[in-house]
Amino acid sequence: MRKIQNKYQIAMLLGAFIGLPAGSMAADPVANVCPVDGCQITILSIEKSGDELEIQWEANFLPDVSRNHVHVYWDTFKAEEVSSNAEANGFKQGDWVPTSDYPKYTTADAMSVANRDGSTTICVTAGGRDHAVLDPQAVHCLSASSSL
């Protein structure tokens, strides 16, 4: 009997069991686990949706707000500030929205267009179950100015 050594082998075996072609699950987020290179989120587009904005993104993990998820915020804050441990790390805590909406999210609450405080750029980073930012260097931002 062959020993299964990692989550990717499990995903491949599961895919083969349910009839997916080999390798078809490798590029899609299949679990709420950060890959070795960390949880990464990329904003693909920002479009007007009524008075708000619809953001489409892709990630290398499947967001779950009770585990690893997406922190969405206006660039008036730094990644270190949109974290539950901001003050413990010497930063003033900022405003953000934790979400597991995937692959689209519509702005609301702290991310509402009405609360942008003059910002025209939206940023995302990954947060953990305790809402602490996982890696403040792993941030992606995109201008929303053409949709405002």
Protein backbone atom coordinates (compact mmCIF):
# COMPACT_ATOMS: atom_id res chain seq x y z
CA MET A 1 0.00 0.00 0.00
CA ARG A 2 1.28 3.47 -0.96
CA LYS A 3 1.75 6.12 1.75
CA ILE A 4 0.03 9.49 1.10
CA GLN A 5 2.51 12.19 2.04
CA ASN A 6 0.76 15.54 1.55
CA LYS A 7 -2.51 17.37 0.87
CA TYR A 8 -1.77 17.61 -2.87
CA GLN A 9 -1.57 13.84 -3.16
CA ILE A 10 -4.86 13.59 -1.26
CA ALA A 11 -6.47 16.12 -3.63
CA MET A 12 -5.19 14.23 -6.67
CA LEU A 13 -6.46 10.91 -5.33
CA LEU A 14 -9.82 12.44 -4.47
CA GLY A 15 -10.03 13.96 -7.96
CA ALA A 16 -9.21 10.60 -9.56
CA PHE A 17 -11.83 8.92 -7.37
CA ILE A 18 -14.58 11.30 -8.53
CA GLY A 19 -13.43 11.16 -12.15
CA LEU A 20 -11.52 14.41 -12.66
CA PRO A 21 -8.56 14.41 -15.06
CA ALA A 22 -5.14 14.27 -13.43
CA GLY A 23 -3.90 17.72 -12.47
CA SER A 24 -7.29 19.44 -12.84
CA MET A 25 -7.45 20.35 -9.16
CA ALA A 26 -3.91 21.70 -8.84
CA ALA A 27 -4.64 25.30 -9.92
CA ASP A 28 -7.96 25.67 -8.09
CA PRO A 29 -8.20 26.45 -4.39
CA VAL A 30 -9.38 23.20 -2.86
CA ALA A 31 -8.84 23.77 0.84
CA ASN A 32 -8.66 26.43 3.47
CA VAL A 33 -4.94 25.88 3.89
CA CYS A 34 -2.15 28.22 2.87
CA PRO A 35 0.25 26.67 0.37
CA VAL A 36 3.96 26.64 1.19
CA ASP A 37 4.38 30.09 -0.41
CA GLY A 38 1.58 31.53 1.77
CA CYS A 39 -2.00 32.61 1.16
CA GLN A 40 -2.12 34.91 -1.87
CA ILE A 41 -5.07 36.94 -3.18
CA THR A 42 -5.10 38.88 -6.45
CA ILE A 43 -7.77 41.42 -7.37
CA LEU A 44 -8.77 40.76 -10.98
CA SER A 45 -11.32 43.54 -11.50
CA ILE A 46 -13.37 46.24 -9.81
CA GLU A 47 -16.69 47.32 -11.31
CA LYS A 48 -19.52 49.60 -10.26
CA SER A 49 -22.50 47.77 -8.74
CA GLY A 50 -25.24 50.28 -7.91
CA ASP A 51 -23.76 52.63 -5.29
CA GLU A 52 -21.08 50.09 -4.37
CA LEU A 53 -18.27 48.17 -6.09
CA GLU A 54 -18.04 44.53 -7.07
CA ILE A 55 -14.55 43.13 -6.68
CA GLN A 56 -13.52 39.93 -8.39
CA TRP A 57 -10.45 38.14 -7.11
CA GLU A 58 -8.63 34.84 -7.16
CA ALA A 59 -6.78 33.15 -4.33
CA ASN A 60 -4.59 30.10 -3.89
CA PHE A 61 -6.79 28.92 -0.99
CA LEU A 62 -10.53 28.65 -0.44
CA PRO A 63 -11.53 31.44 2.00
CA ASP A 64 -13.59 30.60 5.09
CA VAL A 65 -14.24 33.47 7.51
CA SER A 66 -13.89 31.14 10.52
CA ARG A 67 -10.43 30.13 9.27
CA ASN A 68 -8.18 31.72 6.63
CA HIS A 69 -10.10 34.43 4.78
CA VAL A 70 -9.78 37.75 2.94
CA HIS A 71 -9.33 41.14 4.61
CA VAL A 72 -10.58 43.88 2.25
CA TYR A 73 -9.64 47.49 2.97
CA TRP A 74 -9.12 50.94 1.48
CA ASP A 75 -5.48 51.96 1.07
CA THR A 76 -5.85 54.62 3.75
CA PHE A 77 -4.65 51.78 6.01
CA LYS A 78 -1.63 49.47 5.97
CA ALA A 79 -1.94 45.69 6.14
CA GLU A 80 -0.53 45.80 9.69
CA GLU A 81 -3.48 48.01 10.70
CA VAL A 82 -6.25 45.75 9.34
CA SER A 83 -5.42 43.04 11.81
CA SER A 84 -6.79 42.01 15.19
CA ASN A 85 -3.28 42.26 16.64
CA ALA A 86 -2.53 45.72 15.19
CA GLU A 87 -2.22 47.49 18.54
CA ALA A 88 -0.17 44.68 20.10
CA ASN A 89 2.29 45.15 17.22
CA GLY A 90 2.48 48.93 17.63
CA PHE A 91 -0.08 50.00 14.99
CA LYS A 92 -3.39 51.79 15.31
CA GLN A 93 -6.18 49.42 14.34
CA GLY A 94 -7.84 50.38 11.06
CA ASP A 95 -11.07 49.45 9.32
CA TRP A 96 -11.50 46.40 7.13
CA VAL A 97 -14.05 43.77 6.21
CA PRO A 98 -13.28 40.08 6.75
CA THR A 99 -14.95 37.94 4.10
CA SER A 100 -15.06 34.48 2.62
CA ASP A 101 -17.01 35.67 -0.44
CA TYR A 102 -15.32 34.04 -3.41
CA PRO A 103 -14.64 34.84 -6.20
CA LYS A 104 -16.69 38.07 -5.94
CA TYR A 105 -17.36 40.52 -3.14
CA THR A 106 -19.55 43.64 -3.13
CA THR A 107 -18.39 46.48 -0.91
CA ALA A 108 -20.38 47.23 2.25
CA ASP A 109 -19.88 48.33 5.86
CA ALA A 110 -16.32 49.62 6.39
CA MET A 111 -15.63 48.95 2.69
CA SER A 112 -18.64 50.91 1.47
CA VAL A 113 -17.86 53.55 -1.13
CA ALA A 114 -19.35 56.04 1.34
CA ASN A 115 -16.62 55.14 3.87
CA ARG A 116 -13.59 55.37 1.58
CA ASP A 117 -12.32 58.64 3.10
CA GLY A 118 -11.08 59.87 -0.29
CA SER A 119 -9.29 56.64 -1.19
CA THR A 120 -9.56 55.28 -4.72
CA THR A 121 -7.58 52.07 -4.15
CA ILE A 122 -8.77 48.78 -2.69
CA CYS A 123 -6.39 46.29 -1.08
CA VAL A 124 -6.64 42.66 0.04
CA THR A 125 -4.57 40.43 2.27
CA ALA A 126 -5.17 37.12 4.04
CA GLY A 127 -6.31 36.90 7.65
CA GLY A 128 -6.48 33.91 9.96
CA ARG A 129 -9.23 32.60 12.24
CA ASP A 130 -8.32 35.20 14.87
CA HIS A 131 -8.44 37.99 12.21
CA ALA A 132 -4.72 38.62 12.46
CA VAL A 133 -3.10 39.32 9.09
CA LEU A 134 -1.08 36.26 8.05
CA ASP A 135 1.63 38.12 6.11
CA PRO A 136 1.55 41.95 5.94
CA GLN A 137 3.87 41.79 2.90
CA ALA A 138 1.38 39.64 0.93
CA VAL A 139 -0.93 42.44 -0.19
CA HIS A 140 -2.55 43.19 -3.53
CA CYS A 141 -4.06 46.60 -4.31
CA LEU A 142 -5.92 47.87 -7.37
CA SER A 143 -7.24 51.30 -8.29
CA ALA A 144 -11.02 51.64 -8.30
CA SER A 145 -10.97 55.22 -9.60
CA SER A 146 -12.53 54.34 -12.98
CA SER A 147 -15.53 52.77 -11.18
CA LEU A 148 -16.14 55.50 -8.61
